[in-house]
Protein backbone atom coordinates (compact mmCIF):
# COMPACT_ATOMS: atom_id res chain seq x y z
CA MET A 1 -10.97 27.28 -48.76
CA GLU A 2 -10.94 24.52 -46.16
CA ASN A 3 -14.39 25.53 -44.92
CA GLN A 4 -15.75 25.27 -48.45
CA ASP A 5 -14.30 21.74 -48.82
CA ILE A 6 -15.81 20.70 -45.50
CA ASN A 7 -19.20 22.14 -46.46
CA GLU A 8 -19.13 20.29 -49.79
CA GLU A 9 -18.28 17.03 -48.00
CA ASN A 10 -21.15 17.54 -45.56
CA ILE A 11 -23.57 18.19 -48.42
CA ASN A 12 -22.39 15.07 -50.25
CA ASN A 13 -22.77 12.98 -47.09
CA GLN A 14 -26.30 14.30 -46.56
CA GLU A 15 -27.27 13.47 -50.12
CA GLU A 16 -25.93 9.92 -49.73
CA ASN A 17 -27.84 9.49 -46.46
CA ASN A 18 -31.05 10.75 -48.08
CA THR A 19 -30.75 8.29 -50.97
CA GLN A 20 -30.04 5.44 -48.55
CA ASN A 21 -33.04 6.42 -46.40
CA LEU A 22 -35.27 6.50 -49.48
CA SER A 23 -34.17 3.05 -50.59
CA SER A 24 -34.57 1.58 -47.10
CA SER A 25 -38.01 3.15 -46.70
CA GLU A 26 -39.04 1.58 -50.02
CA ASP A 27 -37.89 -1.79 -48.68
CA ASN A 28 -39.94 -1.25 -45.52
CA VAL A 29 -43.05 -0.45 -47.48
CA THR A 30 -42.84 -3.63 -49.55
CA ALA A 31 -42.09 -6.03 -46.66
CA LYS A 32 -44.84 -5.95 -44.02
CA PRO A 33 -44.02 -7.71 -40.76
CA THR A 34 -46.09 -10.73 -39.87
CA ALA A 35 -48.16 -11.01 -36.72
CA GLU A 36 -45.60 -13.37 -35.17
CA GLU A 37 -42.79 -10.92 -35.84
CA LEU A 38 -44.78 -8.07 -34.31
CA LEU A 39 -45.59 -10.22 -31.29
CA ALA A 40 -41.93 -11.23 -30.88
CA GLU A 41 -40.84 -7.61 -31.17
CA GLU A 42 -43.36 -6.43 -28.55
CA LYS A 43 -42.45 -9.31 -26.25
CA ASP A 44 -38.76 -8.43 -26.55
CA ARG A 45 -39.49 -4.78 -25.80
CA TYR A 46 -41.60 -5.81 -22.77
CA MET A 47 -38.84 -8.09 -21.42
CA ARG A 48 -36.22 -5.37 -21.79
CA LEU A 49 -38.45 -2.83 -20.06
CA TYR A 50 -39.18 -5.28 -17.24
CA ALA A 51 -35.47 -6.04 -16.77
CA GLU A 52 -34.64 -2.34 -16.77
CA PHE A 53 -37.30 -1.70 -14.11
CA GLU A 54 -35.99 -4.55 -11.94
CA ASN A 55 -32.46 -3.11 -12.17
CA TYR A 56 -33.84 0.30 -11.23
CA LYS A 57 -35.56 -1.14 -8.14
CA LYS A 58 -32.39 -2.94 -7.05
CA ARG A 59 -30.24 0.15 -7.59
CA THR A 60 -32.55 2.46 -5.64
CA THR A 61 -32.85 -0.04 -2.78
CA LYS A 62 -29.06 -0.29 -2.60
CA GLU A 63 -28.67 3.51 -2.70
CA LYS A 64 -31.25 3.90 0.07
CA MET A 65 -29.46 1.36 2.27
CA GLU A 66 -26.12 3.10 1.72
CA PHE A 67 -27.70 6.46 2.52
CA PHE A 68 -29.09 5.24 5.83
CA GLN A 69 -25.85 3.45 6.64
CA PHE A 70 -23.70 6.53 6.17
CA ALA A 71 -26.21 9.28 6.98
CA ASN A 72 -24.72 9.83 10.41
CA GLN A 73 -21.12 9.86 9.15
CA GLU A 74 -20.74 13.64 9.53
CA MET A 75 -22.01 13.50 13.11
CA MET A 76 -19.65 10.60 13.90
CA VAL A 77 -16.66 12.50 12.52
CA SER A 78 -17.51 15.47 14.75
CA MET A 79 -17.77 13.14 17.78
CA LEU A 80 -14.25 11.80 17.22
CA GLY A 81 -12.79 15.02 18.64
CA VAL A 82 -14.79 14.53 21.83
CA LEU A 83 -13.62 10.93 22.04
CA ASP A 84 -10.00 12.06 21.66
CA ASP A 85 -10.48 14.68 24.38
CA PHE A 86 -11.83 12.00 26.73
CA GLU A 87 -8.75 9.86 26.11
CA ARG A 88 -6.40 12.79 26.78
CA ALA A 89 -8.34 13.70 29.93
CA LEU A 90 -8.08 10.14 31.23
CA LYS A 91 -4.30 10.16 30.73
CA GLU A 92 -3.90 13.47 32.56
CA ILE A 93 -6.18 12.49 35.45
CA ALA A 94 -4.33 9.20 35.79
CA LYS A 95 -1.05 11.11 36.24
CA ASN A 96 -2.11 13.34 39.10
CA GLY A 97 -5.78 12.78 39.94
CA ASN A 98 -7.51 10.81 42.63
CA PRO A 99 -8.97 7.37 41.86
CA SER A 100 -12.62 8.46 42.22
CA ASP A 101 -12.16 11.12 39.50
CA ILE A 102 -10.58 8.56 37.21
CA GLN A 103 -13.41 6.12 37.84
CA GLY A 104 -16.14 8.71 37.08
CA VAL A 105 -14.52 9.93 33.85
CA GLU A 106 -13.78 6.34 32.80
CA LEU A 107 -17.44 5.40 33.28
CA ILE A 108 -18.65 8.31 31.09
CA TYR A 109 -15.97 7.55 28.50
CA GLN A 110 -16.97 3.89 28.27
CA LYS A 111 -20.68 4.73 27.89
CA PHE A 112 -19.91 7.25 25.16
CA LYS A 113 -17.60 4.86 23.35
CA ASN A 114 -20.14 2.01 23.57
CA LYS A 115 -22.90 4.19 22.07
CA LEU A 116 -20.65 5.11 19.14
CA THR A 117 -19.71 1.45 18.67
CA GLU A 118 -23.42 0.51 18.57
CA LYS A 119 -23.81 2.92 15.65
CA GLY A 120 -21.02 1.17 13.69
CA LEU A 121 -17.90 3.09 14.75
CA LYS A 122 -14.74 1.00 15.22
CA ALA A 123 -11.24 2.05 16.19
CA MET A 124 -8.50 0.79 13.90
CA GLU A 125 -6.04 -1.57 15.49
CA VAL A 126 -2.69 0.03 14.68
CA LYS A 127 0.49 -0.50 16.67
CA ALA A 128 4.19 0.12 16.28
CA GLY A 129 5.80 -2.38 13.94
CA ASP A 130 2.80 -2.77 11.63
CA SER A 131 3.31 -2.29 7.92
CA PHE A 132 2.35 1.14 6.58
CA ASN A 133 -0.80 0.97 4.41
CA VAL A 134 -1.99 4.13 2.62
CA ASP A 135 -5.57 2.83 2.65
CA PHE A 136 -5.71 3.07 6.45
CA HIS A 137 -2.77 5.21 7.60
CA GLU A 138 -1.64 8.79 7.09
CA ALA A 139 2.08 9.35 7.58
CA ILE A 140 2.58 12.70 9.25
CA THR A 141 6.36 12.41 9.49
CA GLN A 142 9.29 10.07 8.95
CA ILE A 143 12.11 9.54 11.40
CA PRO A 144 15.25 7.42 11.25
CA ALA A 145 14.19 3.90 12.16
CA PRO A 146 15.29 2.91 15.68
CA SER A 147 16.02 -0.59 14.43
CA GLU A 148 16.50 -2.23 11.04
CA ASP A 149 13.21 -4.15 11.21
CA LEU A 150 11.18 -0.88 11.56
CA LYS A 151 12.30 0.59 8.22
CA GLY A 152 9.19 1.41 6.18
CA LYS A 153 6.98 0.38 9.10
CA ILE A 154 5.01 2.29 11.70
CA VAL A 155 7.14 3.56 14.57
CA ASP A 156 4.48 5.48 16.53
CA VAL A 157 0.72 6.13 16.38
CA VAL A 158 -0.10 9.81 16.93
CA GLU A 159 -3.87 9.69 16.40
CA THR A 160 -6.20 6.70 16.29
CA GLY A 161 -8.04 6.01 13.04
CA TYR A 162 -11.70 5.02 12.86
CA THR A 163 -14.03 3.17 10.50
CA LEU A 164 -17.78 3.50 10.22
CA ASN A 165 -19.41 0.33 8.88
CA ASP A 166 -16.07 -0.77 7.36
CA LYS A 167 -15.52 2.60 5.63
CA VAL A 168 -12.57 4.70 6.80
CA ILE A 169 -13.78 8.03 8.19
CA ARG A 170 -10.48 9.05 9.78
CA PHE A 171 -7.08 7.71 8.86
CA ALA A 172 -4.70 6.73 11.64
CA LYS A 173 -1.96 9.38 11.86
CA VAL A 174 1.36 7.59 12.21
CA VAL A 175 5.11 8.16 12.24
CA THR A 176 7.06 5.85 9.93
CA GLY A 177 10.64 4.66 10.09
CA ASN A 178 13.04 5.69 7.36
């Protein structure tokens, strides 16, 4: 029963639309646009098309720049593990290695780090006592705050975070005070 009512409504709506279309087409036949109106209409259409094309050019240029800027992001993320390993190796060699070993590894580490920095990689400056910010930090655990002023703040930095051209590619892993 409901389907029949809906069908009847649709038929009525179609009939109304047809009569409206007929009356509007009769109006169109009687009123012919003037040359000025046609020119204004074509000029308007041209201006809109031109503006749309300009927006398209700007958008594609911006997308291309973003693509080139972040094209090497995956490679940079994979290099962060190597960078972390260098830092751990330097700490271990400093504990029980001889100074010439430390100097050689430090030289390689600095060259590697400088090359990554040239490509837009920056380490985040995070230290104990900073406020926790979810846009830059990832809390891996919470511990009781050693002092009252460290509640809700960073107590320790477990892993350094990095940005590539001001876009976070790895969040700093931190311990927060509770």
